[in-house]
Amino acid sequence: MKSLLMKCIKCRRYTLQHDKCPYCGGELKNPHPPRYSPYDKYVIYRLKAKLNGR
């Protein structure tokens, strides 16, 4: 399912557009976290990246 809400990186406002922020023209990103799975085989790599300050 495609996410409807997007969040601007510059002004931190939420919008329904997907190309650029209508308020400041900044880049948008998906504000929702990735879906959790107990069988995720890449969790070790994400944890290492998080602990290394990436």
PDB file of N, CA and C in Angstrom:
ATOM      1  N   MET A   1       0.840  -1.179   0.000  1.00  0.00           N
ATOM      2  CA  MET A   1       0.000   0.000   0.000  1.00  0.00           C
ATOM      3  C   MET A   1       0.885   1.241   0.000  1.00  0.00           C
ATOM      4  N   LYS A   2       0.558   2.188  -0.840  1.00  0.00           N
ATOM      5  CA  LYS A   2       1.322   3.411  -0.947  1.00  0.00           C
ATOM      6  C   LYS A   2       0.958   4.355   0.193  1.00  0.00           C
ATOM      7  N   SER A   3       1.963   4.968   0.768  1.00  0.00           N
ATOM      8  CA  SER A   3       1.746   5.908   1.858  1.00  0.00           C
ATOM      9  C   SER A   3       1.184   7.217   1.314  1.00  0.00           C
ATOM     10  N   LEU A   4       0.182   7.749   1.968  1.00  0.00           N
ATOM     11  CA  LEU A   4      -0.416   9.000   1.519  1.00  0.00           C
ATOM     12  C   LEU A   4       0.300  10.215   2.092  1.00  0.00           C
ATOM     13  N   LEU A   5       0.805  10.110   3.286  1.00  0.00           N
ATOM     14  CA  LEU A   5       1.419  11.238   3.955  1.00  0.00           C
ATOM     15  C   LEU A   5       2.906  11.314   3.659  1.00  0.00           C
ATOM     16  N   MET A   6       3.396  12.519   3.423  1.00  0.00           N
ATOM     17  CA  MET A   6       4.814  12.761   3.227  1.00  0.00           C
ATOM     18  C   MET A   6       5.224  13.900   4.156  1.00  0.00           C
ATOM     19  N   LYS A   7       6.508  13.923   4.544  1.00  0.00           N
ATOM     20  CA  LYS A   7       7.000  14.956   5.451  1.00  0.00           C
ATOM     21  C   LYS A   7       8.163  15.696   4.799  1.00  0.00           C
ATOM     22  N   CYS A   8       8.135  17.021   4.889  1.00  0.00           N
ATOM     23  CA  CYS A   8       9.190  17.851   4.325  1.00  0.00           C
ATOM     24  C   CYS A   8      10.414  17.803   5.233  1.00  0.00           C
ATOM     25  N   ILE A   9      11.580  17.691   4.629  1.00  0.00           N
ATOM     26  CA  ILE A   9      12.824  17.643   5.394  1.00  0.00           C
ATOM     27  C   ILE A   9      13.197  19.033   5.909  1.00  0.00           C
ATOM     28  N   LYS A  10      12.916  20.074   5.121  1.00  0.00           N
ATOM     29  CA  LYS A  10      13.315  21.433   5.489  1.00  0.00           C
ATOM     30  C   LYS A  10      12.403  22.058   6.542  1.00  0.00           C
ATOM     31  N   CYS A  11      11.102  22.116   6.265  1.00  0.00           N
ATOM     32  CA  CYS A  11      10.190  22.826   7.176  1.00  0.00           C
ATOM     33  C   CYS A  11       9.443  21.885   8.121  1.00  0.00           C
ATOM     34  N   ARG A  12       9.605  20.578   7.959  1.00  0.00           N
ATOM     35  CA  ARG A  12       9.025  19.547   8.822  1.00  0.00           C
ATOM     36  C   ARG A  12       7.498  19.551   8.833  1.00  0.00           C
ATOM     37  N   ARG A  13       6.884  20.001   7.760  1.00  0.00           N
ATOM     38  CA  ARG A  13       5.428  19.966   7.639  1.00  0.00           C
ATOM     39  C   ARG A  13       5.012  18.710   6.892  1.00  0.00           C
ATOM     40  N   TYR A  14       3.783  18.291   7.139  1.00  0.00           N
ATOM     41  CA  TYR A  14       3.226  17.122   6.460  1.00  0.00           C
ATOM     42  C   TYR A  14       2.378  17.573   5.284  1.00  0.00           C
ATOM     43  N   THR A  15       2.388  16.775   4.219  1.00  0.00           N
ATOM     44  CA  THR A  15       1.614  17.088   3.028  1.00  0.00           C
ATOM     45  C   THR A  15       1.173  15.800   2.343  1.00  0.00           C
ATOM     46  N   LEU A  16       0.242  15.927   1.425  1.00  0.00           N
ATOM     47  CA  LEU A  16      -0.225  14.780   0.649  1.00  0.00           C
ATOM     48  C   LEU A  16       0.448  14.701  -0.718  1.00  0.00           C
ATOM     49  N   GLN A  17       1.197  15.732  -1.091  1.00  0.00           N
ATOM     50  CA  GLN A  17       1.905  15.711  -2.370  1.00  0.00           C
ATOM     51  C   GLN A  17       3.114  14.792  -2.276  1.00  0.00           C
ATOM     52  N   HIS A  18       3.605  14.333  -3.431  1.00  0.00           N
ATOM     53  CA  HIS A  18       4.720  13.390  -3.421  1.00  0.00           C
ATOM     54  C   HIS A  18       5.951  13.899  -4.159  1.00  0.00           C
ATOM     55  N   ASP A  19       5.888  15.056  -4.812  1.00  0.00           N
ATOM     56  CA  ASP A  19       7.041  15.520  -5.571  1.00  0.00           C
ATOM     57  C   ASP A  19       7.893  16.522  -4.801  1.00  0.00           C
ATOM     58  N   LYS A  20       7.292  17.582  -4.276  1.00  0.00           N
ATOM     59  CA  LYS A  20       8.018  18.569  -3.473  1.00  0.00           C
ATOM     60  C   LYS A  20       7.058  19.249  -2.509  1.00  0.00           C
ATOM     61  N   CYS A  21       7.599  19.894  -1.496  1.00  0.00           N
ATOM     62  CA  CYS A  21       6.800  20.557  -0.467  1.00  0.00           C
ATOM     63  C   CYS A  21       6.092  21.775  -1.060  1.00  0.00           C
ATOM     64  N   PRO A  22       4.774  21.903  -0.860  1.00  0.00           N
ATOM     65  CA  PRO A  22       4.058  23.067  -1.388  1.00  0.00           C
ATOM     66  C   PRO A  22       4.337  24.348  -0.598  1.00  0.00           C
ATOM     67  N   TYR A  23       4.904  24.247   0.585  1.00  0.00           N
ATOM     68  CA  TYR A  23       5.155  25.414   1.430  1.00  0.00           C
ATOM     69  C   TYR A  23       6.530  26.027   1.182  1.00  0.00           C
ATOM     70  N   CYS A  24       7.573  25.183   1.139  1.00  0.00           N
ATOM     71  CA  CYS A  24       8.927  25.710   0.993  1.00  0.00           C
ATOM     72  C   CYS A  24       9.655  25.161  -0.232  1.00  0.00           C
ATOM     73  N   GLY A  25       9.091  24.166  -0.908  1.00  0.00           N
ATOM     74  CA  GLY A  25       9.731  23.588  -2.085  1.00  0.00           C
ATOM     75  C   GLY A  25      10.802  22.566  -1.756  1.00  0.00           C
ATOM     76  N   GLY A  26      10.858  22.139  -0.505  1.00  0.00           N
ATOM     77  CA  GLY A  26      11.880  21.188  -0.072  1.00  0.00           C
ATOM     78  C   GLY A  26      11.580  19.756  -0.471  1.00  0.00           C
ATOM     79  N   GLU A  27      12.554  18.903  -0.210  1.00  0.00           N
ATOM     80  CA  GLU A  27      12.435  17.479  -0.523  1.00  0.00           C
ATOM     81  C   GLU A  27      11.531  16.795   0.497  1.00  0.00           C
ATOM     82  N   LEU A  28      10.749  15.817   0.043  1.00  0.00           N
ATOM     83  CA  LEU A  28       9.832  15.083   0.911  1.00  0.00           C
ATOM     84  C   LEU A  28      10.351  13.678   1.168  1.00  0.00           C
ATOM     85  N   LYS A  29      10.006  13.139   2.334  1.00  0.00           N
ATOM     86  CA  LYS A  29      10.348  11.757   2.648  1.00  0.00           C
ATOM     87  C   LYS A  29       9.156  11.093   3.318  1.00  0.00           C
ATOM     88  N   ASN A  30       9.188   9.786   3.356  1.00  0.00           N
ATOM     89  CA  ASN A  30       8.128   9.009   3.980  1.00  0.00           C
ATOM     90  C   ASN A  30       8.321   9.057   5.499  1.00  0.00           C
ATOM     91  N   PRO A  31       7.332   9.526   6.274  1.00  0.00           N
ATOM     92  CA  PRO A  31       7.508   9.656   7.719  1.00  0.00           C
ATOM     93  C   PRO A  31       7.270   8.366   8.502  1.00  0.00           C
ATOM     94  N   HIS A  32       6.818   7.319   7.839  1.00  0.00           N
ATOM     95  CA  HIS A  32       6.475   6.086   8.533  1.00  0.00           C
ATOM     96  C   HIS A  32       7.691   5.169   8.665  1.00  0.00           C
ATOM     97  N   PRO A  33       7.842   4.489   9.795  1.00  0.00           N
ATOM     98  CA  PRO A  33       8.963   3.552   9.957  1.00  0.00           C
ATOM     99  C   PRO A  33       8.741   2.307   9.107  1.00  0.00           C
ATOM    100  N   PRO A  34       9.809   1.577   8.801  1.00  0.00           N
ATOM    101  CA  PRO A  34       9.635   0.341   8.036  1.00  0.00           C
ATOM    102  C   PRO A  34       8.857  -0.693   8.837  1.00  0.00           C
ATOM    103  N   ARG A  35       8.217  -1.575   8.150  1.00  0.00           N
ATOM    104  CA  ARG A  35       7.427  -2.616   8.788  1.00  0.00           C
ATOM    105  C   ARG A  35       8.346  -3.572   9.556  1.00  0.00           C
ATOM    106  N   TYR A  36       7.968  -3.945  10.755  1.00  0.00           N
ATOM    107  CA  TYR A  36       8.775  -4.830  11.590  1.00  0.00           C
ATOM    108  C   TYR A  36       8.503  -6.288  11.245  1.00  0.00           C
ATOM    109  N   SER A  37       9.569  -7.055  11.208  1.00  0.00           N
ATOM    110  CA  SER A  37       9.444  -8.487  10.995  1.00  0.00           C
ATOM    111  C   SER A  37      10.450  -9.196  11.898  1.00  0.00           C
ATOM    112  N   PRO A  38      10.032 -10.177  12.675  1.00  0.00           N
ATOM    113  CA  PRO A  38      10.983 -10.906  13.521  1.00  0.00           C
ATOM    114  C   PRO A  38      11.939 -11.765  12.698  1.00  0.00           C
ATOM    115  N   TYR A  39      11.646 -11.970  11.424  1.00  0.00           N
ATOM    116  CA  TYR A  39      12.493 -12.787  10.563  1.00  0.00           C
ATOM    117  C   TYR A  39      13.371 -11.941   9.646  1.00  0.00           C
ATOM    118  N   ASP A  40      13.584 -10.684  10.004  1.00  0.00           N
ATOM    119  CA  ASP A  40      14.375  -9.776   9.184  1.00  0.00           C
ATOM    120  C   ASP A  40      15.838 -10.203   9.199  1.00  0.00           C
ATOM    121  N   LYS A  41      16.385 -10.500   8.025  1.00  0.00           N
ATOM    122  CA  LYS A  41      17.757 -10.985   7.956  1.00  0.00           C
ATOM    123  C   LYS A  41      18.776  -9.853   7.884  1.00  0.00           C
ATOM    124  N   TYR A  42      18.340  -8.596   7.788  1.00  0.00           N
ATOM    125  CA  TYR A  42      19.258  -7.465   7.703  1.00  0.00           C
ATOM    126  C   TYR A  42      19.308  -6.639   8.986  1.00  0.00           C
ATOM    127  N   VAL A  43      18.698  -7.103  10.042  1.00  0.00           N
ATOM    128  CA  VAL A  43      18.642  -6.338  11.295  1.00  0.00           C
ATOM    129  C   VAL A  43      20.039  -6.128  11.884  1.00  0.00           C
ATOM    130  N   ILE A  44      20.929  -7.065  11.715  1.00  0.00           N
ATOM    131  CA  ILE A  44      22.289  -6.941  12.251  1.00  0.00           C
ATOM    132  C   ILE A  44      23.004  -5.764  11.590  1.00  0.00           C
ATOM    133  N   TYR A  45      22.860  -5.623  10.276  1.00  0.00           N
ATOM    134  CA  TYR A  45      23.532  -4.548   9.556  1.00  0.00           C
ATOM    135  C   TYR A  45      22.956  -3.182   9.925  1.00  0.00           C
ATOM    136  N   ARG A  46      21.642  -3.086  10.097  1.00  0.00           N
ATOM    137  CA  ARG A  46      21.037  -1.819  10.497  1.00  0.00           C
ATOM    138  C   ARG A  46      21.453  -1.436  11.907  1.00  0.00           C
ATOM    139  N   LEU A  47      21.533  -2.404  12.794  1.00  0.00           N
ATOM    140  CA  LEU A  47      21.944  -2.133  14.169  1.00  0.00           C
ATOM    141  C   LEU A  47      23.393  -1.662  14.222  1.00  0.00           C
ATOM    142  N   LYS A  48      24.271  -2.292  13.440  1.00  0.00           N
ATOM    143  CA  LYS A  48      25.674  -1.865  13.387  1.00  0.00           C
ATOM    144  C   LYS A  48      25.787  -0.443  12.848  1.00  0.00           C
ATOM    145  N   ALA A  49      25.021  -0.118  11.813  1.00  0.00           N
ATOM    146  CA  ALA A  49      25.051   1.230  11.241  1.00  0.00           C
ATOM    147  C   ALA A  49      24.538   2.254  12.248  1.00  0.00           C
ATOM    148  N   LYS A  50      23.518   1.896  12.996  1.00  0.00           N
ATOM    149  CA  LYS A  50      22.960   2.811  13.991  1.00  0.00           C
ATOM    150  C   LYS A  50      23.950   3.044  15.130  1.00  0.00           C
ATOM    151  N   LEU A  51      24.627   1.999  15.569  1.00  0.00           N
ATOM    152  CA  LEU A  51      25.581   2.128  16.663  1.00  0.00           C
ATOM    153  C   LEU A  51      26.846   2.875  16.245  1.00  0.00           C
ATOM    154  N   ASN A  52      27.192   2.825  14.965  1.00  0.00           N
ATOM    155  CA  ASN A  52      28.371   3.535  14.470  1.00  0.00           C
ATOM    156  C   ASN A  52      28.085   5.005  14.201  1.00  0.00           C
ATOM    157  N   GLY A  53      26.873   5.454  14.430  1.00  0.00           N
ATOM    158  CA  GLY A  53      26.527   6.859  14.271  1.00  0.00           C
ATOM    159  C   GLY A  53      26.183   7.262  12.859  1.00  0.00           C
ATOM    160  N   ARG A  54      25.775   6.353  12.054  1.00  0.00           N
ATOM    161  CA  ARG A  54      25.416   6.668  10.671  1.00  0.00           C
ATOM    162  C   ARG A  54      24.095   7.326  10.583  1.00  0.00           C
TER     163      ARG A  54
END
